[in-house]
Amino acid sequence: MTGMNEQVYDDISLERTIDARFGIDLEVDSVIARKIPVSRTADATLFLTKKKQFYLFISSQSPLVLGDVKRIVSRVGVIAENYLPPVNRPDYFDEVGKAKFLDVFPGRTNISDQDIAFYRTLVPYSPALILLSGVKDGIINQFDSDSSGSWRQSTKFTYRRIRTS
């Protein structure tokens, strides 16, 4: 019985963390994979909300950048729809990416999106919350340093978001 209580507390803690860090009020309906390892220092939780939206939440003991998070999303076997920025900073990735670009090229003006594309990947992003649109092959993977390729199957799950107007 205590295992079930711990899961409920984990879900409530997750909801509160997401609300505080990302400003999104959501309710966890079901957890597909709870705290699976996705690197040597990071865990991920995949869950569905009451509105049947599929999210990936990544927390890490060490700092992550957007490039790391994108790599993790790919290796886990899910398809990202939107990388959600921190609360009250809708242009977070562009702002910080532009600042990092200007650190390297201080005299540049008329900076395009192509100019800062690489620098966006260097933006700090921990914890990370990603809205997902699907699972690639119906398999969710987890990090395992002992297996060949360092990834192994965690669970089977099929999800595909159907876009409406």
C-alpha atoms as a PDB file:
ATOM      1  CA  MET A   1       0.000   0.000   0.000  1.00  0.00           C
ATOM      2  CA  THR A   2       2.878   2.373   0.694  1.00  0.00           C
ATOM      3  CA  GLY A   3       4.099   2.008  -2.908  1.00  0.00           C
ATOM      4  CA  MET A   4       0.799   3.351  -4.190  1.00  0.00           C
ATOM      5  CA  ASN A   5       0.944   6.285  -1.749  1.00  0.00           C
ATOM      6  CA  GLU A   6       4.478   7.120  -2.882  1.00  0.00           C
ATOM      7  CA  GLN A   7       3.306   7.191  -6.493  1.00  0.00           C
ATOM      8  CA  VAL A   8       0.445   9.538  -5.642  1.00  0.00           C
ATOM      9  CA  TYR A   9       2.848  11.826  -3.787  1.00  0.00           C
ATOM     10  CA  ASP A  10       5.274  11.699  -6.731  1.00  0.00           C
ATOM     11  CA  ASP A  11       2.457  12.709  -9.093  1.00  0.00           C
ATOM     12  CA  ILE A  12       1.415  15.618  -6.873  1.00  0.00           C
ATOM     13  CA  SER A  13       5.032  16.716  -6.516  1.00  0.00           C
ATOM     14  CA  LEU A  14       5.452  16.544 -10.302  1.00  0.00           C
ATOM     15  CA  GLU A  15       2.313  18.643 -10.861  1.00  0.00           C
ATOM     16  CA  ARG A  16       3.522  21.267  -8.375  1.00  0.00           C
ATOM     17  CA  THR A  17       7.032  21.379  -9.865  1.00  0.00           C
ATOM     18  CA  ILE A  18       5.632  21.854 -13.375  1.00  0.00           C
ATOM     19  CA  ASP A  19       3.291  24.596 -12.170  1.00  0.00           C
ATOM     20  CA  ALA A  20       6.114  26.411 -10.349  1.00  0.00           C
ATOM     21  CA  ARG A  21       8.808  26.051 -13.050  1.00  0.00           C
ATOM     22  CA  PHE A  22       6.737  26.231 -16.245  1.00  0.00           C
ATOM     23  CA  GLY A  23       3.500  27.936 -15.186  1.00  0.00           C
ATOM     24  CA  ILE A  24       1.367  25.111 -16.554  1.00  0.00           C
ATOM     25  CA  ASP A  25      -1.452  23.773 -14.413  1.00  0.00           C
ATOM     26  CA  LEU A  26      -1.989  20.163 -15.413  1.00  0.00           C
ATOM     27  CA  GLU A  27      -3.237  17.007 -13.792  1.00  0.00           C
ATOM     28  CA  VAL A  28      -1.357  13.742 -14.168  1.00  0.00           C
ATOM     29  CA  ASP A  29      -3.799  11.057 -15.256  1.00  0.00           C
ATOM     30  CA  SER A  30      -1.453   8.123 -15.793  1.00  0.00           C
ATOM     31  CA  VAL A  31       2.297   7.661 -15.664  1.00  0.00           C
ATOM     32  CA  ILE A  32       3.728   5.612 -18.522  1.00  0.00           C
ATOM     33  CA  ALA A  33       7.310   5.457 -17.206  1.00  0.00           C
ATOM     34  CA  ARG A  34       8.312   6.803 -13.800  1.00  0.00           C
ATOM     35  CA  LYS A  35      11.828   8.163 -13.155  1.00  0.00           C
ATOM     36  CA  ILE A  36      13.587   6.084 -15.795  1.00  0.00           C
ATOM     37  CA  PRO A  37      17.284   6.854 -16.216  1.00  0.00           C
ATOM     38  CA  VAL A  38      18.055   8.848 -19.388  1.00  0.00           C
ATOM     39  CA  SER A  39      21.718   9.619 -18.641  1.00  0.00           C
ATOM     40  CA  ARG A  40      24.149   8.997 -15.812  1.00  0.00           C
ATOM     41  CA  THR A  41      22.665  11.901 -13.829  1.00  0.00           C
ATOM     42  CA  ALA A  42      19.157  12.465 -15.262  1.00  0.00           C
ATOM     43  CA  ASP A  43      15.755  10.802 -14.810  1.00  0.00           C
ATOM     44  CA  ALA A  44      12.652  11.145 -16.940  1.00  0.00           C
ATOM     45  CA  THR A  45       8.966  10.662 -16.302  1.00  0.00           C
ATOM     46  CA  LEU A  46       6.559  10.158 -19.183  1.00  0.00           C
ATOM     47  CA  PHE A  47       2.916  10.800 -18.401  1.00  0.00           C
ATOM     48  CA  LEU A  48      -0.520  11.521 -19.818  1.00  0.00           C
ATOM     49  CA  THR A  49      -2.672  14.347 -18.487  1.00  0.00           C
ATOM     50  CA  LYS A  50      -6.430  14.273 -17.951  1.00  0.00           C
ATOM     51  CA  LYS A  51      -6.721  15.944 -21.394  1.00  0.00           C
ATOM     52  CA  LYS A  52      -4.712  13.049 -22.908  1.00  0.00           C
ATOM     53  CA  GLN A  53      -1.677  15.190 -23.645  1.00  0.00           C
ATOM     54  CA  PHE A  54       1.618  13.284 -23.506  1.00  0.00           C
ATOM     55  CA  TYR A  55       4.565  14.894 -21.684  1.00  0.00           C
ATOM     56  CA  LEU A  56       8.164  14.086 -20.866  1.00  0.00           C
ATOM     57  CA  PHE A  57       9.635  15.650 -17.726  1.00  0.00           C
ATOM     58  CA  ILE A  58      13.415  15.443 -17.292  1.00  0.00           C
ATOM     59  CA  SER A  59      15.209  16.299 -14.062  1.00  0.00           C
ATOM     60  CA  SER A  60      18.936  16.110 -13.574  1.00  0.00           C
ATOM     61  CA  GLN A  61      21.517  16.425 -10.828  1.00  0.00           C
ATOM     62  CA  SER A  62      23.899  18.129 -13.251  1.00  0.00           C
ATOM     63  CA  PRO A  63      23.104  20.999 -15.627  1.00  0.00           C
ATOM     64  CA  LEU A  64      21.565  20.154 -18.993  1.00  0.00           C
ATOM     65  CA  VAL A  65      21.337  22.297 -22.109  1.00  0.00           C
ATOM     66  CA  LEU A  66      18.676  22.188 -24.826  1.00  0.00           C
ATOM     67  CA  GLY A  67      20.979  20.133 -27.069  1.00  0.00           C
ATOM     68  CA  ASP A  68      21.302  17.466 -24.356  1.00  0.00           C
ATOM     69  CA  VAL A  69      17.533  17.389 -23.888  1.00  0.00           C
ATOM     70  CA  LYS A  70      16.937  17.007 -27.648  1.00  0.00           C
ATOM     71  CA  ARG A  71      19.403  14.118 -27.743  1.00  0.00           C
ATOM     72  CA  ILE A  72      17.654  12.466 -24.772  1.00  0.00           C
ATOM     73  CA  VAL A  73      14.231  12.876 -26.429  1.00  0.00           C
ATOM     74  CA  SER A  74      15.540  11.185 -29.568  1.00  0.00           C
ATOM     75  CA  ARG A  75      17.166   8.307 -27.686  1.00  0.00           C
ATOM     76  CA  VAL A  76      14.115   7.693 -25.504  1.00  0.00           C
ATOM     77  CA  GLY A  77      12.183   7.107 -28.732  1.00  0.00           C
ATOM     78  CA  VAL A  78       9.565   9.834 -28.552  1.00  0.00           C
ATOM     79  CA  ILE A  79       8.692  12.700 -30.906  1.00  0.00           C
ATOM     80  CA  ALA A  80       8.834  16.210 -29.451  1.00  0.00           C
ATOM     81  CA  GLU A  81       6.173  18.708 -30.430  1.00  0.00           C
ATOM     82  CA  ASN A  82       7.193  21.592 -28.168  1.00  0.00           C
ATOM     83  CA  TYR A  83      10.008  22.291 -25.711  1.00  0.00           C
ATOM     84  CA  LEU A  84       8.278  24.354 -23.049  1.00  0.00           C
ATOM     85  CA  PRO A  85      10.186  27.402 -21.723  1.00  0.00           C
ATOM     86  CA  PRO A  86      10.364  28.463 -18.061  1.00  0.00           C
ATOM     87  CA  VAL A  87       7.434  30.406 -16.593  1.00  0.00           C
ATOM     88  CA  ASN A  88       6.976  34.017 -17.802  1.00  0.00           C
ATOM     89  CA  ARG A  89       9.716  33.667 -20.460  1.00  0.00           C
ATOM     90  CA  PRO A  90       8.020  32.634 -23.713  1.00  0.00           C
ATOM     91  CA  ASP A  91      11.100  33.580 -25.810  1.00  0.00           C
ATOM     92  CA  TYR A  92      13.601  32.027 -23.380  1.00  0.00           C
ATOM     93  CA  PHE A  93      15.497  29.907 -25.924  1.00  0.00           C
ATOM     94  CA  ASP A  94      15.808  32.778 -28.413  1.00  0.00           C
ATOM     95  CA  GLU A  95      16.793  35.352 -25.753  1.00  0.00           C
ATOM     96  CA  VAL A  96      19.519  33.245 -24.185  1.00  0.00           C
ATOM     97  CA  GLY A  97      20.687  31.889 -27.560  1.00  0.00           C
ATOM     98  CA  LYS A  98      21.027  35.444 -28.879  1.00  0.00           C
ATOM     99  CA  ALA A  99      22.950  36.492 -25.753  1.00  0.00           C
ATOM    100  CA  LYS A 100      25.341  33.541 -26.209  1.00  0.00           C
ATOM    101  CA  PHE A 101      25.756  34.470 -29.891  1.00  0.00           C
ATOM    102  CA  LEU A 102      26.568  38.065 -28.956  1.00  0.00           C
ATOM    103  CA  ASP A 103      29.170  36.845 -26.452  1.00  0.00           C
ATOM    104  CA  VAL A 104      31.012  35.238 -29.366  1.00  0.00           C
ATOM    105  CA  PHE A 105      30.264  37.939 -31.976  1.00  0.00           C
ATOM    106  CA  PRO A 106      29.809  41.170 -29.950  1.00  0.00           C
ATOM    107  CA  GLY A 107      29.732  43.558 -32.925  1.00  0.00           C
ATOM    108  CA  ARG A 108      27.062  41.770 -34.974  1.00  0.00           C
ATOM    109  CA  THR A 109      23.717  43.390 -35.732  1.00  0.00           C
ATOM    110  CA  ASN A 110      20.783  42.055 -37.744  1.00  0.00           C
ATOM    111  CA  ILE A 111      20.975  38.603 -36.189  1.00  0.00           C
ATOM    112  CA  SER A 112      18.815  35.997 -37.937  1.00  0.00           C
ATOM    113  CA  ASP A 113      17.284  32.785 -36.610  1.00  0.00           C
ATOM    114  CA  GLN A 114      19.867  30.829 -38.616  1.00  0.00           C
ATOM    115  CA  ASP A 115      22.664  32.699 -36.832  1.00  0.00           C
ATOM    116  CA  ILE A 116      21.468  31.659 -33.386  1.00  0.00           C
ATOM    117  CA  ALA A 117      20.256  28.134 -34.248  1.00  0.00           C
ATOM    118  CA  PHE A 118      23.410  26.515 -32.824  1.00  0.00           C
ATOM    119  CA  TYR A 119      23.490  28.820 -29.785  1.00  0.00           C
ATOM    120  CA  ARG A 120      19.921  27.817 -28.859  1.00  0.00           C
ATOM    121  CA  THR A 121      21.231  24.298 -28.245  1.00  0.00           C
ATOM    122  CA  LEU A 122      23.592  25.739 -25.590  1.00  0.00           C
ATOM    123  CA  VAL A 123      20.763  27.266 -23.519  1.00  0.00           C
ATOM    124  CA  PRO A 124      20.509  25.825 -19.953  1.00  0.00           C
ATOM    125  CA  TYR A 125      17.368  23.685 -19.677  1.00  0.00           C
ATOM    126  CA  SER A 126      16.999  21.747 -16.454  1.00  0.00           C
ATOM    127  CA  PRO A 127      14.432  20.654 -15.465  1.00  0.00           C
ATOM    128  CA  ALA A 128      12.910  20.156 -18.908  1.00  0.00           C
ATOM    129  CA  LEU A 129       9.284  19.714 -19.942  1.00  0.00           C
ATOM    130  CA  ILE A 130       8.465  18.538 -23.434  1.00  0.00           C
ATOM    131  CA  LEU A 131       5.039  18.139 -25.021  1.00  0.00           C
ATOM    132  CA  LEU A 132       5.166  15.006 -27.148  1.00  0.00           C
ATOM    133  CA  SER A 133       3.315  14.132 -30.330  1.00  0.00           C
ATOM    134  CA  GLY A 134       4.082  10.427 -30.443  1.00  0.00           C
ATOM    135  CA  VAL A 135       6.258   7.407 -29.781  1.00  0.00           C
ATOM    136  CA  LYS A 136       8.494   6.410 -32.713  1.00  0.00           C
ATOM    137  CA  ASP A 137       8.256   2.611 -32.817  1.00  0.00           C
ATOM    138  CA  GLY A 138       5.928   1.931 -29.906  1.00  0.00           C
ATOM    139  CA  ILE A 139       8.951   1.435 -27.631  1.00  0.00           C
ATOM    140  CA  ILE A 140      10.206   3.748 -24.897  1.00  0.00           C
ATOM    141  CA  ASN A 141      13.896   3.330 -24.102  1.00  0.00           C
ATOM    142  CA  GLN A 142      15.947   4.053 -21.010  1.00  0.00           C
ATOM    143  CA  PHE A 143      19.650   4.602 -20.425  1.00  0.00           C
ATOM    144  CA  ASP A 144      21.622   1.538 -19.398  1.00  0.00           C
ATOM    145  CA  SER A 145      25.403   1.806 -19.384  1.00  0.00           C
ATOM    146  CA  ASP A 146      25.784  -1.996 -19.367  1.00  0.00           C
ATOM    147  CA  SER A 147      23.838  -2.680 -22.559  1.00  0.00           C
ATOM    148  CA  SER A 148      25.249  -2.352 -26.061  1.00  0.00           C
ATOM    149  CA  GLY A 149      24.566   1.161 -27.334  1.00  0.00           C
ATOM    150  CA  SER A 150      23.873   2.273 -23.729  1.00  0.00           C
ATOM    151  CA  TRP A 151      20.065   2.119 -24.217  1.00  0.00           C
ATOM    152  CA  ARG A 152      17.532  -0.633 -23.666  1.00  0.00           C
ATOM    153  CA  GLN A 153      13.775  -1.020 -23.848  1.00  0.00           C
ATOM    154  CA  SER A 154      11.914   0.311 -20.831  1.00  0.00           C
ATOM    155  CA  THR A 155       8.296  -0.223 -21.852  1.00  0.00           C
ATOM    156  CA  LYS A 156       6.000  -0.549 -24.840  1.00  0.00           C
ATOM    157  CA  PHE A 157       3.538   2.266 -25.414  1.00  0.00           C
ATOM    158  CA  THR A 158       1.725   3.551 -28.468  1.00  0.00           C
ATOM    159  CA  TYR A 159       0.669   7.176 -28.774  1.00  0.00           C
ATOM    160  CA  ARG A 160       0.067   9.421 -31.745  1.00  0.00           C
ATOM    161  CA  ARG A 161      -1.420  12.872 -31.374  1.00  0.00           C
ATOM    162  CA  ILE A 162      -4.010  13.667 -34.007  1.00  0.00           C
ATOM    163  CA  ARG A 163      -3.955  17.366 -34.808  1.00  0.00           C
ATOM    164  CA  THR A 164      -7.291  19.121 -35.044  1.00  0.00           C
ATOM    165  CA  SER A 165      -7.952  22.589 -36.364  1.00  0.00           C
END
